[in-house]
Amino acid sequence: MKIHLSLSVGGLLLGFSVLGSANQGLPGPGVGERFDHPLQAEDQHGQLRSLDELMGDKGLVIVFVRSADWCPFCKAQLIDVNSRMPEFSELGLNVISISVDEVPEVSTFADAQQIEYTMLADPQGDINEALGIRDEQYPVGSAAFGVPRPALYVVDRNAVVRASYMEPTYRTRPDLDTVLKDAAALGL
């Protein structure tokens, strides 16, 4: 098993990525488990999309963010992911993002940034709740209720989680160099 730890600027904030056969106590689906959520959600064009139709030749990278509308850390991550699309495509991986935005907000961001991947809208955070990755620091009634912890999953064509990355704070994001290196090593 391979576990990556990273430090963020401004303090000791550990980010975790796990490759191997255990989830090491991280919330959400663990490495080796099926990603058992159909991801029935509307994309930036208002089309209902599912996990099966979003798969690439070798799998899918699923990026969970809070908002493409109001979260500056999420916006930066989504733009960074977009700049790395040729590398993900070369590995046979499609990429999607999921945020708690409504379709119009996702669409506005996708158009403005010329996003090349599918962005899904999960305005109530139902997917985050079902997967167990909802950021629990925000209680029911909070404006941020339903947002996920920053997470990224690499799943293979059979929807088995092959790599899992999660950050402890909304200010840090999984390192894409590490994600791409790990995905290449998996040889999906």
N, C-alpha and C. Protein backbone atom coordinates (compact mmCIF):
# COMPACT_ATOMS: atom_id res chain seq x y z
N MET A 1 0.83 -1.17 0.00
CA MET A 1 0.00 0.00 0.00
C MET A 1 0.88 1.24 0.00
N LYS A 2 0.42 2.26 -0.68
CA LYS A 2 1.16 3.50 -0.80
C LYS A 2 0.31 4.60 -0.19
N ILE A 3 0.84 5.37 0.74
CA ILE A 3 0.12 6.47 1.36
C ILE A 3 0.97 7.73 1.20
N HIS A 4 0.36 8.79 0.69
CA HIS A 4 1.06 10.07 0.52
C HIS A 4 0.58 11.03 1.59
N LEU A 5 1.50 11.76 2.18
CA LEU A 5 1.16 12.83 3.11
C LEU A 5 1.71 14.11 2.52
N SER A 6 0.96 15.19 2.63
CA SER A 6 1.46 16.46 2.13
C SER A 6 1.21 17.55 3.16
N LEU A 7 2.06 18.54 3.17
CA LEU A 7 1.91 19.68 4.07
C LEU A 7 1.44 20.86 3.25
N SER A 8 0.55 21.65 3.82
CA SER A 8 0.12 22.84 3.10
C SER A 8 0.87 24.04 3.64
N VAL A 9 0.90 25.09 2.85
CA VAL A 9 1.52 26.34 3.27
C VAL A 9 0.68 26.95 4.38
N GLY A 10 1.34 27.50 5.36
CA GLY A 10 0.62 28.19 6.42
C GLY A 10 0.29 27.32 7.62
N GLY A 11 0.84 26.15 7.70
CA GLY A 11 0.58 25.33 8.88
C GLY A 11 0.68 23.86 8.55
N LEU A 12 0.54 23.08 9.55
CA LEU A 12 0.64 21.65 9.40
C LEU A 12 -0.73 21.08 9.09
N LEU A 13 -1.08 21.03 7.81
CA LEU A 13 -2.36 20.47 7.36
C LEU A 13 -2.04 19.28 6.49
N LEU A 14 -2.33 18.13 6.97
CA LEU A 14 -1.99 16.93 6.22
C LEU A 14 -3.08 16.56 5.23
N GLY A 15 -2.67 16.25 4.03
CA GLY A 15 -3.58 15.74 3.02
C GLY A 15 -3.24 14.28 2.81
N PHE A 16 -4.24 13.47 2.53
CA PHE A 16 -4.01 12.05 2.43
C PHE A 16 -4.39 11.53 1.05
N SER A 17 -3.57 10.64 0.53
CA SER A 17 -3.96 9.89 -0.66
C SER A 17 -3.63 8.44 -0.37
N VAL A 18 -4.51 7.58 -0.79
CA VAL A 18 -4.33 6.17 -0.49
C VAL A 18 -4.40 5.36 -1.76
N LEU A 19 -3.42 4.50 -1.95
CA LEU A 19 -3.42 3.51 -3.01
C LEU A 19 -3.17 2.18 -2.33
N GLY A 20 -3.95 1.21 -2.62
CA GLY A 20 -3.76 -0.09 -2.00
C GLY A 20 -5.09 -0.73 -1.71
N SER A 21 -5.17 -1.48 -0.63
CA SER A 21 -6.38 -2.26 -0.38
C SER A 21 -7.18 -1.78 0.82
N ALA A 22 -6.80 -0.67 1.42
CA ALA A 22 -7.55 -0.22 2.59
C ALA A 22 -7.83 1.27 2.49
N ASN A 23 -8.85 1.70 3.18
CA ASN A 23 -9.23 3.10 3.17
C ASN A 23 -8.52 3.89 4.26
N GLN A 24 -7.86 3.25 5.18
CA GLN A 24 -7.10 3.90 6.24
C GLN A 24 -7.94 4.91 7.02
N GLY A 25 -9.21 4.62 7.21
CA GLY A 25 -10.05 5.47 8.05
C GLY A 25 -10.58 6.72 7.39
N LEU A 26 -10.31 6.94 6.10
CA LEU A 26 -10.86 8.10 5.42
C LEU A 26 -12.35 7.89 5.17
N PRO A 27 -13.14 8.97 5.21
CA PRO A 27 -14.56 8.83 4.88
C PRO A 27 -14.73 8.47 3.41
N GLY A 28 -15.89 7.97 3.08
CA GLY A 28 -16.21 7.67 1.68
C GLY A 28 -15.76 6.28 1.27
N PRO A 29 -15.99 5.97 -0.01
CA PRO A 29 -15.61 4.64 -0.50
C PRO A 29 -14.10 4.44 -0.45
N GLY A 30 -13.70 3.25 -0.03
CA GLY A 30 -12.29 2.95 0.11
C GLY A 30 -11.69 2.32 -1.13
N VAL A 31 -10.39 2.35 -1.21
CA VAL A 31 -9.66 1.72 -2.30
C VAL A 31 -10.01 0.23 -2.31
N GLY A 32 -10.35 -0.28 -3.47
CA GLY A 32 -10.73 -1.68 -3.63
C GLY A 32 -12.22 -1.91 -3.53
N GLU A 33 -12.96 -0.89 -3.07
CA GLU A 33 -14.42 -0.99 -2.97
C GLU A 33 -15.06 -0.45 -4.25
N ARG A 34 -16.28 -0.93 -4.52
CA ARG A 34 -17.03 -0.38 -5.66
C ARG A 34 -17.50 1.02 -5.30
N PHE A 35 -17.46 1.90 -6.28
CA PHE A 35 -18.01 3.23 -6.14
C PHE A 35 -19.51 3.07 -6.40
N ASP A 36 -20.24 2.75 -5.34
CA ASP A 36 -21.64 2.35 -5.48
C ASP A 36 -22.61 3.52 -5.43
N HIS A 37 -22.40 4.48 -6.29
CA HIS A 37 -23.36 5.57 -6.43
C HIS A 37 -23.55 5.82 -7.92
N PRO A 38 -24.78 5.89 -8.39
CA PRO A 38 -25.00 6.04 -9.83
C PRO A 38 -24.65 7.43 -10.37
N LEU A 39 -24.43 8.40 -9.49
CA LEU A 39 -24.13 9.77 -9.90
C LEU A 39 -25.16 10.34 -10.85
N GLN A 40 -26.40 10.04 -10.61
CA GLN A 40 -27.47 10.62 -11.42
C GLN A 40 -27.58 12.09 -11.09
N ALA A 41 -27.03 12.94 -11.95
CA ALA A 41 -27.05 14.38 -11.72
C ALA A 41 -27.00 15.09 -13.06
N GLU A 42 -27.44 16.34 -13.06
CA GLU A 42 -27.41 17.14 -14.28
C GLU A 42 -26.03 17.74 -14.48
N ASP A 43 -25.61 17.78 -15.74
CA ASP A 43 -24.33 18.40 -16.07
C ASP A 43 -24.51 19.88 -16.38
N GLN A 44 -23.44 20.52 -16.81
CA GLN A 44 -23.46 21.96 -17.07
C GLN A 44 -24.40 22.35 -18.20
N HIS A 45 -24.88 21.37 -18.96
CA HIS A 45 -25.83 21.63 -20.05
C HIS A 45 -27.26 21.26 -19.67
N GLY A 46 -27.45 20.83 -18.41
CA GLY A 46 -28.77 20.44 -17.94
C GLY A 46 -29.18 19.03 -18.31
N GLN A 47 -28.24 18.22 -18.82
CA GLN A 47 -28.52 16.82 -19.18
C GLN A 47 -28.26 15.92 -17.98
N LEU A 48 -29.18 14.99 -17.73
CA LEU A 48 -29.00 14.02 -16.66
C LEU A 48 -27.93 13.03 -17.09
N ARG A 49 -26.92 12.85 -16.25
CA ARG A 49 -25.79 11.97 -16.59
C ARG A 49 -25.64 10.90 -15.52
N SER A 50 -25.03 9.77 -15.93
CA SER A 50 -24.82 8.66 -15.00
C SER A 50 -23.35 8.24 -15.02
N LEU A 51 -22.97 7.50 -14.01
CA LEU A 51 -21.60 7.02 -13.87
C LEU A 51 -21.16 6.23 -15.10
N ASP A 52 -22.01 5.30 -15.56
CA ASP A 52 -21.63 4.44 -16.70
C ASP A 52 -21.31 5.24 -17.95
N GLU A 53 -22.12 6.23 -18.27
CA GLU A 53 -21.90 6.97 -19.51
C GLU A 53 -20.73 7.94 -19.42
N LEU A 54 -20.27 8.24 -18.23
CA LEU A 54 -19.18 9.19 -18.05
C LEU A 54 -17.81 8.53 -18.06
N MET A 55 -17.76 7.21 -17.99
CA MET A 55 -16.49 6.47 -17.93
C MET A 55 -15.65 6.70 -19.18
N GLY A 56 -14.33 6.80 -18.97
CA GLY A 56 -13.39 6.83 -20.07
C GLY A 56 -13.01 5.40 -20.46
N ASP A 57 -12.11 5.26 -21.40
CA ASP A 57 -11.68 3.93 -21.84
C ASP A 57 -11.15 3.09 -20.68
N LYS A 58 -10.46 3.73 -19.74
CA LYS A 58 -9.88 2.99 -18.63
C LYS A 58 -10.47 3.35 -17.27
N GLY A 59 -11.29 4.39 -17.23
CA GLY A 59 -11.90 4.75 -15.95
C GLY A 59 -12.28 6.20 -15.88
N LEU A 60 -12.40 6.67 -14.65
CA LEU A 60 -12.94 8.00 -14.40
C LEU A 60 -12.26 8.62 -13.18
N VAL A 61 -11.97 9.90 -13.27
CA VAL A 61 -11.49 10.69 -12.14
C VAL A 61 -12.67 11.54 -11.69
N ILE A 62 -13.03 11.43 -10.42
CA ILE A 62 -14.18 12.15 -9.88
C ILE A 62 -13.64 13.15 -8.86
N VAL A 63 -13.87 14.43 -9.15
CA VAL A 63 -13.36 15.53 -8.32
C VAL A 63 -14.54 16.15 -7.58
N PHE A 64 -14.51 16.09 -6.26
CA PHE A 64 -15.56 16.69 -5.43
C PHE A 64 -15.10 18.05 -4.93
N VAL A 65 -15.88 19.08 -5.24
CA VAL A 65 -15.58 20.44 -4.78
C VAL A 65 -16.83 21.04 -4.16
N ARG A 66 -16.62 22.08 -3.40
CA ARG A 66 -17.73 22.76 -2.74
C ARG A 66 -18.56 23.54 -3.76
N SER A 67 -17.93 24.46 -4.48
CA SER A 67 -18.68 25.31 -5.40
C SER A 67 -17.78 25.90 -6.48
N ALA A 68 -18.28 25.90 -7.70
CA ALA A 68 -17.62 26.59 -8.81
C ALA A 68 -18.09 28.03 -8.87
N ASP A 69 -18.98 28.40 -7.97
CA ASP A 69 -19.55 29.75 -7.96
C ASP A 69 -18.91 30.63 -6.89
N TRP A 70 -18.78 30.15 -5.66
CA TRP A 70 -18.34 31.00 -4.56
C TRP A 70 -17.06 30.57 -3.86
N CYS A 71 -16.51 29.42 -4.15
CA CYS A 71 -15.31 28.95 -3.45
C CYS A 71 -14.06 29.20 -4.30
N PRO A 72 -13.20 30.14 -3.91
CA PRO A 72 -12.01 30.43 -4.72
C PRO A 72 -11.03 29.25 -4.80
N PHE A 73 -10.96 28.43 -3.76
CA PHE A 73 -10.07 27.27 -3.78
C PHE A 73 -10.57 26.22 -4.77
N CYS A 74 -11.89 26.07 -4.83
CA CYS A 74 -12.51 25.13 -5.78
C CYS A 74 -12.30 25.61 -7.21
N LYS A 75 -12.53 26.89 -7.43
CA LYS A 75 -12.35 27.45 -8.78
C LYS A 75 -10.94 27.21 -9.28
N ALA A 76 -9.95 27.47 -8.43
CA ALA A 76 -8.56 27.26 -8.82
C ALA A 76 -8.30 25.79 -9.14
N GLN A 77 -8.85 24.90 -8.33
CA GLN A 77 -8.67 23.47 -8.57
C GLN A 77 -9.32 23.05 -9.89
N LEU A 78 -10.52 23.51 -10.14
CA LEU A 78 -11.23 23.14 -11.37
C LEU A 78 -10.49 23.63 -12.60
N ILE A 79 -9.92 24.82 -12.53
CA ILE A 79 -9.12 25.35 -13.64
C ILE A 79 -7.85 24.53 -13.81
N ASP A 80 -7.22 24.16 -12.70
CA ASP A 80 -6.01 23.33 -12.74
C ASP A 80 -6.31 21.97 -13.37
N VAL A 81 -7.42 21.35 -12.96
CA VAL A 81 -7.80 20.07 -13.55
C VAL A 81 -7.98 20.23 -15.06
N ASN A 82 -8.64 21.30 -15.47
CA ASN A 82 -8.88 21.53 -16.90
C ASN A 82 -7.56 21.64 -17.67
N SER A 83 -6.56 22.28 -17.06
CA SER A 83 -5.27 22.43 -17.74
C SER A 83 -4.54 21.09 -17.88
N ARG A 84 -4.94 20.11 -17.10
CA ARG A 84 -4.28 18.79 -17.12
C ARG A 84 -5.06 17.75 -17.91
N MET A 85 -6.14 18.18 -18.57
CA MET A 85 -6.99 17.23 -19.31
C MET A 85 -6.22 16.39 -20.33
N PRO A 86 -5.28 16.94 -21.09
CA PRO A 86 -4.55 16.08 -22.03
C PRO A 86 -3.84 14.91 -21.33
N GLU A 87 -3.32 15.15 -20.13
CA GLU A 87 -2.63 14.09 -19.40
C GLU A 87 -3.60 13.02 -18.92
N PHE A 88 -4.77 13.44 -18.43
CA PHE A 88 -5.78 12.46 -18.02
C PHE A 88 -6.27 11.67 -19.23
N SER A 89 -6.52 12.36 -20.33
CA SER A 89 -6.99 11.70 -21.56
C SER A 89 -5.98 10.68 -22.06
N GLU A 90 -4.70 11.04 -21.99
CA GLU A 90 -3.64 10.13 -22.43
C GLU A 90 -3.66 8.82 -21.62
N LEU A 91 -4.09 8.91 -20.37
CA LEU A 91 -4.20 7.72 -19.52
C LEU A 91 -5.51 6.97 -19.72
N GLY A 92 -6.38 7.47 -20.60
CA GLY A 92 -7.66 6.83 -20.85
C GLY A 92 -8.71 7.14 -19.79
N LEU A 93 -8.50 8.23 -19.05
CA LEU A 93 -9.40 8.59 -17.97
C LEU A 93 -10.22 9.83 -18.32
N ASN A 94 -11.53 9.73 -18.20
CA ASN A 94 -12.38 10.90 -18.25
C ASN A 94 -12.34 11.55 -16.88
N VAL A 95 -12.72 12.82 -16.82
CA VAL A 95 -12.75 13.57 -15.58
C VAL A 95 -14.12 14.20 -15.43
N ILE A 96 -14.65 14.18 -14.21
CA ILE A 96 -15.87 14.91 -13.89
C ILE A 96 -15.65 15.64 -12.57
N SER A 97 -16.41 16.70 -12.37
CA SER A 97 -16.43 17.35 -11.07
C SER A 97 -17.87 17.34 -10.57
N ILE A 98 -18.01 17.40 -9.26
CA ILE A 98 -19.34 17.44 -8.63
C ILE A 98 -19.29 18.54 -7.58
N SER A 99 -20.25 19.47 -7.66
CA SER A 99 -20.33 20.55 -6.68
C SER A 99 -21.77 20.73 -6.24
N VAL A 100 -21.96 21.52 -5.19
CA VAL A 100 -23.30 21.76 -4.67
C VAL A 100 -23.99 22.94 -5.38
N ASP A 101 -23.49 23.32 -6.52
CA ASP A 101 -24.08 24.40 -7.29
C ASP A 101 -25.32 23.94 -8.04
N GLU A 102 -26.12 24.91 -8.44
CA GLU A 102 -27.22 24.68 -9.37
C GLU A 102 -26.63 24.65 -10.77
N VAL A 103 -27.36 24.08 -11.73
CA VAL A 103 -26.88 23.97 -13.11
C VAL A 103 -26.45 25.33 -13.69
N PRO A 104 -27.22 26.41 -13.52
CA PRO A 104 -26.78 27.69 -14.11
C PRO A 104 -25.41 28.16 -13.62
N GLU A 105 -25.10 27.94 -12.35
CA GLU A 105 -23.80 28.35 -11.82
C GLU A 105 -22.67 27.51 -12.41
N VAL A 106 -22.91 26.20 -12.51
CA VAL A 106 -21.91 25.31 -13.09
C VAL A 106 -21.71 25.68 -14.56
N SER A 107 -22.79 25.94 -15.26
CA SER A 107 -22.73 26.30 -16.68
C SER A 107 -21.96 27.60 -16.90
N THR A 108 -22.23 28.59 -16.07
CA THR A 108 -21.54 29.88 -16.18
C THR A 108 -20.04 29.71 -16.01
N PHE A 109 -19.63 28.94 -14.99
CA PHE A 109 -18.21 28.71 -14.74
C PHE A 109 -17.59 27.92 -15.90
N ALA A 110 -18.25 26.86 -16.34
CA ALA A 110 -17.73 26.03 -17.42
C ALA A 110 -17.54 26.84 -18.70
N ASP A 111 -18.49 27.69 -19.01
CA ASP A 111 -18.37 28.53 -20.21
C ASP A 111 -17.25 29.55 -20.07
N ALA A 112 -17.21 30.23 -18.94
CA ALA A 112 -16.20 31.27 -18.73
C ALA A 112 -14.78 30.72 -18.75
N GLN A 113 -14.61 29.51 -18.23
CA GLN A 113 -13.27 28.92 -18.13
C GLN A 113 -12.98 27.91 -19.24
N GLN A 114 -13.92 27.73 -20.16
CA GLN A 114 -13.77 26.77 -21.26
C GLN A 114 -13.39 25.39 -20.74
N ILE A 115 -14.18 24.94 -19.76
CA ILE A 115 -13.94 23.64 -19.14
C ILE A 115 -14.23 22.52 -20.14
N GLU A 116 -13.31 21.58 -20.24
CA GLU A 116 -13.39 20.49 -21.22
C GLU A 116 -13.98 19.21 -20.65
N TYR A 117 -14.26 19.17 -19.37
CA TYR A 117 -14.80 17.95 -18.76
C TYR A 117 -16.22 18.21 -18.27
N THR A 118 -16.89 17.13 -17.88
CA THR A 118 -18.26 17.22 -17.40
C THR A 118 -18.28 17.73 -15.96
N MET A 119 -19.12 18.72 -15.72
CA MET A 119 -19.31 19.26 -14.38
C MET A 119 -20.74 18.92 -13.97
N LEU A 120 -20.89 18.22 -12.85
CA LEU A 120 -22.21 17.83 -12.36
C LEU A 120 -22.67 18.74 -11.23
N ALA A 121 -23.97 19.01 -11.23
CA ALA A 121 -24.59 19.83 -10.19
C ALA A 121 -25.33 18.93 -9.21
N ASP A 122 -25.00 19.06 -7.95
CA ASP A 122 -25.64 18.31 -6.86
C ASP A 122 -26.03 19.33 -5.79
N PRO A 123 -27.02 20.19 -6.09
CA PRO A 123 -27.29 21.35 -5.24
C PRO A 123 -27.65 21.04 -3.79
N GLN A 124 -28.20 19.89 -3.51
CA GLN A 124 -28.54 19.55 -2.13
C GLN A 124 -27.44 18.76 -1.43
N GLY A 125 -26.40 18.39 -2.18
CA GLY A 125 -25.31 17.61 -1.60
C GLY A 125 -25.71 16.17 -1.34
N ASP A 126 -26.70 15.67 -2.07
CA ASP A 126 -27.17 14.30 -1.87
C ASP A 126 -26.10 13.25 -2.15
N ILE A 127 -25.31 13.49 -3.19
CA ILE A 127 -24.24 12.53 -3.52
C ILE A 127 -23.20 12.51 -2.40
N ASN A 128 -22.82 13.69 -1.92
CA ASN A 128 -21.84 13.79 -0.83
C ASN A 128 -22.34 13.06 0.41
N GLU A 129 -23.60 13.26 0.72
CA GLU A 129 -24.20 12.61 1.90
C GLU A 129 -24.21 11.09 1.73
N ALA A 130 -24.65 10.63 0.55
CA ALA A 130 -24.73 9.18 0.30
C ALA A 130 -23.37 8.51 0.36
N LEU A 131 -22.33 9.20 -0.09
CA LEU A 131 -20.98 8.64 -0.08
C LEU A 131 -20.27 8.79 1.27
N GLY A 132 -20.84 9.59 2.16
CA GLY A 132 -20.22 9.80 3.45
C GLY A 132 -19.06 10.77 3.43
N ILE A 133 -19.03 11.67 2.45
CA ILE A 133 -17.93 12.63 2.36
C ILE A 133 -18.39 14.07 2.63
N ARG A 134 -19.60 14.23 3.10
CA ARG A 134 -20.09 15.57 3.43
C ARG A 134 -19.22 16.13 4.55
N ASP A 135 -18.88 17.41 4.43
CA ASP A 135 -18.09 18.08 5.46
C ASP A 135 -19.01 18.33 6.65
N GLU A 136 -18.82 17.57 7.71
CA GLU A 136 -19.73 17.59 8.85
C GLU A 136 -19.59 18.81 9.75
N GLN A 137 -18.64 19.68 9.47
CA GLN A 137 -18.52 20.88 10.29
C GLN A 137 -19.67 21.86 10.03
N TYR A 138 -20.43 21.63 8.93
CA TYR A 138 -21.54 22.51 8.60
C TYR A 138 -22.86 21.80 8.95
N PRO A 139 -23.58 22.29 9.96
CA PRO A 139 -24.80 21.63 10.41
C PRO A 139 -25.99 21.91 9.48
N VAL A 140 -27.04 21.13 9.66
CA VAL A 140 -28.29 21.36 8.93
C VAL A 140 -28.70 22.82 9.16
N GLY A 141 -29.10 23.48 8.10
CA GLY A 141 -29.51 24.88 8.19
C GLY A 141 -28.40 25.85 7.81
N SER A 142 -27.14 25.38 7.84
CA SER A 142 -26.03 26.22 7.44
C SER A 142 -26.07 26.43 5.92
N ALA A 143 -25.64 27.59 5.46
CA ALA A 143 -25.58 27.86 4.02
C ALA A 143 -24.64 26.88 3.30
N ALA A 144 -23.68 26.34 4.02
CA ALA A 144 -22.71 25.40 3.42
C ALA A 144 -23.08 23.94 3.67
N PHE A 145 -24.25 23.67 4.25
CA PHE A 145 -24.63 22.29 4.51
C PHE A 145 -24.65 21.51 3.19
N GLY A 146 -24.07 20.33 3.21
CA GLY A 146 -24.06 19.46 2.03
C GLY A 146 -22.77 19.48 1.25
N VAL A 147 -21.88 20.47 1.53
CA VAL A 147 -20.63 20.51 0.77
C VAL A 147 -19.75 19.32 1.16
N PRO A 148 -18.93 18.85 0.20
CA PRO A 148 -18.04 17.73 0.52
C PRO A 148 -16.73 18.22 1.11
N ARG A 149 -16.01 17.29 1.72
CA ARG A 149 -14.60 17.55 1.98
C ARG A 149 -13.90 17.46 0.63
N PRO A 150 -12.81 18.20 0.40
CA PRO A 150 -12.12 18.10 -0.88
C PRO A 150 -11.66 16.65 -1.09
N ALA A 151 -12.20 16.04 -2.12
CA ALA A 151 -11.90 14.63 -2.38
C ALA A 151 -11.76 14.38 -3.87
N LEU A 152 -11.01 13.36 -4.19
CA LEU A 152 -10.82 12.95 -5.58
C LEU A 152 -10.68 11.43 -5.58
N TYR A 153 -11.39 10.80 -6.49
CA TYR A 153 -11.34 9.35 -6.64
C TYR A 153 -10.95 8.99 -8.06
N VAL A 154 -10.14 7.95 -8.20
CA VAL A 154 -9.87 7.35 -9.50
C VAL A 154 -10.53 5.99 -9.47
N VAL A 155 -11.49 5.78 -10.38
CA VAL A 155 -12.19 4.50 -10.45
C VAL A 155 -11.93 3.85 -11.80
N ASP A 156 -11.87 2.52 -11.81
CA ASP A 156 -11.65 1.82 -13.07
C ASP A 156 -12.97 1.60 -13.79
N ARG A 157 -12.92 0.95 -14.94
CA ARG A 157 -14.12 0.73 -15.78
C ARG A 157 -15.21 -0.07 -15.05
N ASN A 158 -14.83 -0.83 -14.03
CA ASN A 158 -15.79 -1.60 -13.26
C ASN A 158 -16.29 -0.82 -12.03
N ALA A 159 -15.96 0.46 -11.99
CA ALA A 159 -16.36 1.35 -10.89
C ALA A 159 -15.75 0.95 -9.55
N VAL A 160 -14.58 0.35 -9.60
CA VAL A 160 -13.85 0.01 -8.38
C VAL A 160 -12.88 1.16 -8.10
N VAL A 161 -12.88 1.64 -6.87
CA VAL A 161 -11.99 2.72 -6.47
C VAL A 161 -10.57 2.19 -6.48
N ARG A 162 -9.72 2.82 -7.28
CA ARG A 162 -8.32 2.40 -7.37
C ARG A 162 -7.39 3.36 -6.64
N ALA A 163 -7.83 4.60 -6.44
CA ALA A 163 -7.05 5.58 -5.67
C ALA A 163 -8.03 6.57 -5.06
N SER A 164 -7.69 7.02 -3.85
CA SER A 164 -8.56 7.92 -3.09
C SER A 164 -7.71 9.02 -2.49
N TYR A 165 -8.17 10.25 -2.63
CA TYR A 165 -7.44 11.41 -2.11
C TYR A 165 -8.43 12.28 -1.35
N MET A 166 -8.08 12.71 -0.16
CA MET A 166 -8.97 13.56 0.61
C MET A 166 -8.13 14.54 1.43
N GLU A 167 -8.62 15.75 1.48
CA GLU A 167 -7.94 16.81 2.22
C GLU A 167 -8.75 17.14 3.47
N PRO A 168 -8.08 17.52 4.56
CA PRO A 168 -8.79 17.81 5.81
C PRO A 168 -9.44 19.19 5.87
N THR A 169 -9.10 20.06 4.92
CA THR A 169 -9.63 21.42 4.95
C THR A 169 -9.93 21.88 3.53
N TYR A 170 -10.88 22.77 3.41
CA TYR A 170 -11.26 23.29 2.09
C TYR A 170 -10.15 24.12 1.45
N ARG A 171 -9.15 24.50 2.20
CA ARG A 171 -8.08 25.34 1.67
C ARG A 171 -7.02 24.55 0.91
N THR A 172 -7.00 23.22 1.04
CA THR A 172 -6.01 22.39 0.35
C THR A 172 -6.73 21.44 -0.59
N ARG A 173 -6.03 21.02 -1.63
CA ARG A 173 -6.60 20.14 -2.65
C ARG A 173 -5.62 19.03 -2.99
N PRO A 174 -6.15 17.88 -3.44
CA PRO A 174 -5.24 16.81 -3.85
C PRO A 174 -4.28 17.30 -4.94
N ASP A 175 -3.02 16.93 -4.81
CA ASP A 175 -1.98 17.33 -5.75
C ASP A 175 -2.14 16.57 -7.06
N LEU A 176 -2.35 17.28 -8.16
CA LEU A 176 -2.60 16.62 -9.45
C LEU A 176 -1.37 15.91 -10.00
N ASP A 177 -0.17 16.38 -9.70
CA ASP A 177 1.03 15.65 -10.12
C ASP A 177 1.02 14.26 -9.50
N THR A 178 0.69 14.18 -8.22
CA THR A 178 0.62 12.90 -7.52
C THR A 178 -0.50 12.04 -8.10
N VAL A 179 -1.65 12.62 -8.33
CA VAL A 179 -2.79 11.88 -8.89
C VAL A 179 -2.42 11.29 -10.24
N LEU A 180 -1.83 12.10 -11.13
CA LEU A 180 -1.46 11.61 -12.46
C LEU A 180 -0.38 10.53 -12.39
N LYS A 181 0.60 10.73 -11.52
CA LYS A 181 1.66 9.72 -11.36
C LYS A 181 1.08 8.41 -10.85
N ASP A 182 0.21 8.50 -9.84
CA ASP A 182 -0.41 7.30 -9.27
C ASP A 182 -1.31 6.61 -10.30
N ALA A 183 -2.09 7.39 -11.04
CA ALA A 183 -2.99 6.82 -12.05
C ALA A 183 -2.19 6.10 -13.13
N ALA A 184 -1.07 6.67 -13.54
CA ALA A 184 -0.23 6.01 -14.54
C ALA A 184 0.33 4.71 -13.99
N ALA A 185 0.74 4.70 -12.72
CA ALA A 185 1.30 3.50 -12.10
C ALA A 185 0.25 2.40 -11.95
N LEU A 186 -1.01 2.79 -11.82
CA LEU A 186 -2.07 1.79 -11.70
C LEU A 186 -2.25 1.02 -12.99
N GLY A 187 -1.91 1.64 -14.11
CA GLY A 187 -2.02 0.96 -15.40
C GLY A 187 -3.42 0.51 -15.74
N LEU A 188 -4.39 1.31 -15.38
CA LEU A 188 -5.78 0.95 -15.67
C LEU A 188 -5.89 0.66 -17.13
